[in-house]
Amino acid sequence: MTTRTRLVCRCGGAIRPRRYLTIPELCEDLDITRSTYYDWRRTGKAPRSRRLPNGSIRIDRDVYEAWLDTLIEEDN
């Protein structure tokens, strides 16, 4: 079992979880390659993301956590 780390933002001395994940951060958290992420995204299996004006993609942490919750398998 792997442990997920929380990325934090130090804003004015306060420490709080960052709201958005980058693709490399998401891939590291899930232990997948970027190509796997893009395959999932193309087929609609990845968490919803947003494209910023500069073209980079971000995943909202709340959306990511909710998406992970949908992947929990029930014991038979």
Protein backbone atom coordinates (compact mmCIF):
# COMPACT_ATOMS: atom_id res chain seq x y z
CA MET A 1 0.00 0.00 0.00
CA THR A 2 1.37 3.40 -0.95
CA THR A 3 0.89 6.60 0.99
CA ARG A 4 -0.18 9.70 -0.85
CA THR A 5 1.56 12.91 0.13
CA ARG A 6 -0.23 16.22 0.33
CA LEU A 7 1.37 18.99 -1.66
CA VAL A 8 1.20 22.28 0.19
CA CYS A 9 1.29 25.94 -0.67
CA ARG A 10 3.06 28.33 1.69
CA CYS A 11 1.06 31.50 1.28
CA GLY A 12 1.99 34.34 3.60
CA GLY A 13 3.42 31.91 6.14
CA ALA A 14 0.27 29.75 6.21
CA ILE A 15 0.50 26.15 5.08
CA ARG A 16 -2.50 24.77 3.22
CA PRO A 17 -3.09 22.03 0.65
CA ARG A 18 -2.59 23.20 -2.92
CA ARG A 19 -5.86 23.37 -4.79
CA TYR A 20 -4.62 22.10 -8.15
CA LEU A 21 -2.38 19.23 -9.25
CA THR A 22 -0.15 19.26 -12.29
CA ILE A 23 -0.02 16.22 -14.56
CA PRO A 24 3.42 15.17 -13.24
CA GLU A 25 2.11 15.42 -9.65
CA LEU A 26 -0.96 13.32 -10.48
CA CYS A 27 1.17 10.74 -12.31
CA GLU A 28 3.57 10.50 -9.38
CA ASP A 29 0.70 10.12 -6.90
CA LEU A 30 -0.85 7.31 -8.96
CA ASP A 31 2.49 5.80 -10.01
CA ILE A 32 1.57 5.95 -13.70
CA THR A 33 3.30 7.33 -16.78
CA ARG A 34 2.22 10.50 -18.55
CA SER A 35 1.20 8.43 -21.56
CA THR A 36 -1.14 6.39 -19.34
CA TYR A 37 -2.69 9.61 -18.05
CA TYR A 38 -3.22 10.88 -21.60
CA ASP A 39 -4.71 7.52 -22.63
CA TRP A 40 -7.12 7.72 -19.70
CA ARG A 41 -7.95 11.33 -20.56
CA ARG A 42 -8.60 10.48 -24.21
CA THR A 43 -10.96 7.64 -23.23
CA GLY A 44 -12.73 9.59 -20.48
CA LYS A 45 -11.26 7.56 -17.59
CA ALA A 46 -9.11 10.33 -16.05
CA PRO A 47 -10.36 12.90 -13.54
CA ARG A 48 -11.79 16.07 -15.05
CA SER A 49 -9.19 18.74 -15.71
CA ARG A 50 -8.95 22.35 -16.80
CA ARG A 51 -6.74 23.89 -19.44
CA LEU A 52 -5.18 27.19 -18.41
CA PRO A 53 -4.70 30.11 -20.83
CA ASN A 54 -1.02 29.14 -21.17
CA GLY A 55 -2.08 25.66 -22.36
CA SER A 56 -1.06 23.72 -19.26
CA ILE A 57 -3.50 21.33 -17.60
CA ARG A 58 -4.48 21.30 -13.92
CA ILE A 59 -6.62 18.89 -11.94
CA ASP A 60 -8.66 20.27 -9.03
CA ARG A 61 -7.67 18.37 -5.87
CA ASP A 62 -11.33 17.97 -4.78
CA VAL A 63 -12.25 16.54 -8.20
CA TYR A 64 -9.24 14.21 -8.01
CA GLU A 65 -10.16 12.97 -4.52
CA ALA A 66 -13.80 12.42 -5.59
CA TRP A 67 -12.60 10.56 -8.70
CA LEU A 68 -10.41 8.31 -6.54
CA ASP A 69 -13.41 7.54 -4.34
CA THR A 70 -15.31 6.27 -7.39
CA LEU A 71 -12.59 3.66 -7.93
CA ILE A 72 -13.08 1.88 -4.60
CA GLU A 73 -14.09 -1.72 -5.14
CA GLU A 74 -16.57 -3.29 -2.79
CA ASP A 75 -15.73 -6.65 -1.22
CA ASN A 76 -17.83 -9.47 -2.63
